[in-house]
Amino acid sequence: MEEKKECCHKTKERSEKEYKDLINRLNRIEGQVRGVKKMVESDTYCTDILIQVSAINAALNSFNKVLLANHIRTCVADDIREGKEETIDELVMILQKLMK
């Protein structure tokens, strides 16, 4: 998995399996969000919507865990092997953002 630098944005090539897994997770989350929108449009009771929103939050957290684990195993590990210590600061910053 080679990381490229284009303009001012980094990119990451993913394996087909990783790509499909992430896209499938996002597609399910997108479907859940559309379902909640329909619930609001249908005047569904508040607590029923809140339960579905909670499920969306859990799915997003799960997505983040998978993406973060892949990031650490590939990008972060490769950068550390190459002596790019600034990657640790970047990882700490993203962990702080995720834990808000």
C-alpha atoms as a PDB file:
ATOM      1  CA  MET A   1       0.000   0.000   0.000  1.00  0.00           C
ATOM      2  CA  GLU A   2       1.831   3.016  -1.253  1.00  0.00           C
ATOM      3  CA  GLU A   3       1.072   6.454   0.051  1.00  0.00           C
ATOM      4  CA  LYS A   4       1.276   9.265  -2.480  1.00  0.00           C
ATOM      5  CA  LYS A   5       1.472  12.992  -2.038  1.00  0.00           C
ATOM      6  CA  GLU A   6      -0.488  15.038  -4.552  1.00  0.00           C
ATOM      7  CA  CYS A   7      -0.770  18.780  -4.193  1.00  0.00           C
ATOM      8  CA  CYS A   8      -1.298  19.172  -0.481  1.00  0.00           C
ATOM      9  CA  HIS A   9      -3.355  16.027   0.174  1.00  0.00           C
ATOM     10  CA  LYS A  10      -2.027  12.570   0.927  1.00  0.00           C
ATOM     11  CA  THR A  11      -3.666   9.596  -0.717  1.00  0.00           C
ATOM     12  CA  LYS A  12      -3.671   5.899   0.095  1.00  0.00           C
ATOM     13  CA  GLU A  13      -4.045   2.965  -2.215  1.00  0.00           C
ATOM     14  CA  ARG A  14      -6.116   0.249  -0.564  1.00  0.00           C
ATOM     15  CA  SER A  15      -6.373  -3.429  -1.290  1.00  0.00           C
ATOM     16  CA  GLU A  16      -9.561  -4.464  -3.058  1.00  0.00           C
ATOM     17  CA  LYS A  17     -10.724  -6.266   0.102  1.00  0.00           C
ATOM     18  CA  GLU A  18     -10.147  -3.232   2.339  1.00  0.00           C
ATOM     19  CA  TYR A  19     -11.814  -0.941  -0.223  1.00  0.00           C
ATOM     20  CA  LYS A  20     -14.884  -3.183  -0.537  1.00  0.00           C
ATOM     21  CA  ASP A  21     -15.211  -3.549   3.236  1.00  0.00           C
ATOM     22  CA  LEU A  22     -15.080   0.212   3.819  1.00  0.00           C
ATOM     23  CA  ILE A  23     -17.507   0.964   0.973  1.00  0.00           C
ATOM     24  CA  ASN A  24     -19.942  -1.709   2.192  1.00  0.00           C
ATOM     25  CA  ARG A  25     -19.889  -0.241   5.688  1.00  0.00           C
ATOM     26  CA  LEU A  26     -20.479   3.264   4.323  1.00  0.00           C
ATOM     27  CA  ASN A  27     -23.319   2.039   2.100  1.00  0.00           C
ATOM     28  CA  ARG A  28     -25.035   0.480   5.133  1.00  0.00           C
ATOM     29  CA  ILE A  29     -24.590   3.685   7.125  1.00  0.00           C
ATOM     30  CA  GLU A  30     -25.943   5.725   4.219  1.00  0.00           C
ATOM     31  CA  GLY A  31     -28.996   3.449   4.121  1.00  0.00           C
ATOM     32  CA  GLN A  32     -29.494   3.898   7.858  1.00  0.00           C
ATOM     33  CA  VAL A  33     -29.355   7.688   7.496  1.00  0.00           C
ATOM     34  CA  ARG A  34     -31.900   7.579   4.664  1.00  0.00           C
ATOM     35  CA  GLY A  35     -34.109   5.440   6.910  1.00  0.00           C
ATOM     36  CA  VAL A  36     -33.925   8.013   9.706  1.00  0.00           C
ATOM     37  CA  LYS A  37     -34.784  10.773   7.238  1.00  0.00           C
ATOM     38  CA  LYS A  38     -37.898   8.816   6.218  1.00  0.00           C
ATOM     39  CA  MET A  39     -38.776   8.338   9.887  1.00  0.00           C
ATOM     40  CA  VAL A  40     -38.624  12.114  10.430  1.00  0.00           C
ATOM     41  CA  GLU A  41     -40.674  12.721   7.280  1.00  0.00           C
ATOM     42  CA  SER A  42     -43.240  10.182   8.540  1.00  0.00           C
ATOM     43  CA  ASP A  43     -43.505  11.835  11.960  1.00  0.00           C
ATOM     44  CA  THR A  44     -42.108   8.767  13.722  1.00  0.00           C
ATOM     45  CA  TYR A  45     -41.973   8.989  17.502  1.00  0.00           C
ATOM     46  CA  CYS A  46     -38.808  10.654  18.840  1.00  0.00           C
ATOM     47  CA  THR A  47     -37.423   7.733  20.842  1.00  0.00           C
ATOM     48  CA  ASP A  48     -37.682   5.406  17.842  1.00  0.00           C
ATOM     49  CA  ILE A  49     -35.611   7.872  15.801  1.00  0.00           C
ATOM     50  CA  LEU A  50     -33.106   8.301  18.625  1.00  0.00           C
ATOM     51  CA  ILE A  51     -32.563   4.540  18.774  1.00  0.00           C
ATOM     52  CA  GLN A  52     -31.832   4.469  15.053  1.00  0.00           C
ATOM     53  CA  VAL A  53     -29.459   7.441  15.342  1.00  0.00           C
ATOM     54  CA  SER A  54     -27.665   5.573  18.118  1.00  0.00           C
ATOM     55  CA  ALA A  55     -27.247   2.608  15.749  1.00  0.00           C
ATOM     56  CA  ILE A  56     -25.789   4.970  13.118  1.00  0.00           C
ATOM     57  CA  ASN A  57     -23.319   6.349  15.661  1.00  0.00           C
ATOM     58  CA  ALA A  58     -22.261   2.805  16.570  1.00  0.00           C
ATOM     59  CA  ALA A  59     -21.792   1.951  12.880  1.00  0.00           C
ATOM     60  CA  LEU A  60     -19.675   5.080  12.336  1.00  0.00           C
ATOM     61  CA  ASN A  61     -17.567   4.245  15.387  1.00  0.00           C
ATOM     62  CA  SER A  62     -17.056   0.743  14.037  1.00  0.00           C
ATOM     63  CA  PHE A  63     -16.037   2.185  10.656  1.00  0.00           C
ATOM     64  CA  ASN A  64     -13.535   4.478  12.396  1.00  0.00           C
ATOM     65  CA  LYS A  65     -12.050   1.561  14.358  1.00  0.00           C
ATOM     66  CA  VAL A  66     -11.496  -0.477  11.195  1.00  0.00           C
ATOM     67  CA  LEU A  67     -10.044   2.479   9.283  1.00  0.00           C
ATOM     68  CA  LEU A  68      -7.806   3.492  12.183  1.00  0.00           C
ATOM     69  CA  ALA A  69      -6.488  -0.051  12.646  1.00  0.00           C
ATOM     70  CA  ASN A  70      -5.681  -0.287   8.939  1.00  0.00           C
ATOM     71  CA  HIS A  71      -4.014   3.135   9.074  1.00  0.00           C
ATOM     72  CA  ILE A  72      -1.799   2.152  12.003  1.00  0.00           C
ATOM     73  CA  ARG A  73      -0.850  -1.199  10.450  1.00  0.00           C
ATOM     74  CA  THR A  74       0.094   0.349   7.100  1.00  0.00           C
ATOM     75  CA  CYS A  75       0.716   4.101   6.920  1.00  0.00           C
ATOM     76  CA  VAL A  76       1.904   4.668  10.477  1.00  0.00           C
ATOM     77  CA  ALA A  77       4.070   1.535  10.651  1.00  0.00           C
ATOM     78  CA  ASP A  78       5.655   2.282   7.263  1.00  0.00           C
ATOM     79  CA  ASP A  79       6.368   5.910   8.196  1.00  0.00           C
ATOM     80  CA  ILE A  80       7.943   4.934  11.512  1.00  0.00           C
ATOM     81  CA  ARG A  81      10.156   2.380   9.743  1.00  0.00           C
ATOM     82  CA  GLU A  82      11.225   5.191   7.398  1.00  0.00           C
ATOM     83  CA  GLY A  83      12.042   7.436  10.368  1.00  0.00           C
ATOM     84  CA  LYS A  84       9.124   9.838   9.861  1.00  0.00           C
ATOM     85  CA  GLU A  85       8.519  10.613  13.528  1.00  0.00           C
ATOM     86  CA  GLU A  86       5.995  13.368  12.689  1.00  0.00           C
ATOM     87  CA  THR A  87       3.542  10.564  11.900  1.00  0.00           C
ATOM     88  CA  ILE A  88       3.283   9.864  15.624  1.00  0.00           C
ATOM     89  CA  ASP A  89       2.192  13.459  16.239  1.00  0.00           C
ATOM     90  CA  GLU A  90      -0.366  13.108  13.452  1.00  0.00           C
ATOM     91  CA  LEU A  91      -1.684   9.885  15.019  1.00  0.00           C
ATOM     92  CA  VAL A  92      -1.943  11.484  18.469  1.00  0.00           C
ATOM     93  CA  MET A  93      -3.831  14.447  16.970  1.00  0.00           C
ATOM     94  CA  ILE A  94      -6.351  12.214  15.162  1.00  0.00           C
ATOM     95  CA  LEU A  95      -6.876  10.082  18.286  1.00  0.00           C
ATOM     96  CA  GLN A  96      -7.594  13.245  20.280  1.00  0.00           C
ATOM     97  CA  LYS A  97     -10.167  14.323  17.672  1.00  0.00           C
ATOM     98  CA  LEU A  98     -11.805  10.902  17.653  1.00  0.00           C
ATOM     99  CA  MET A  99     -12.091  10.882  21.442  1.00  0.00           C
ATOM    100  CA  LYS A 100     -14.007  14.183  21.710  1.00  0.00           C
END
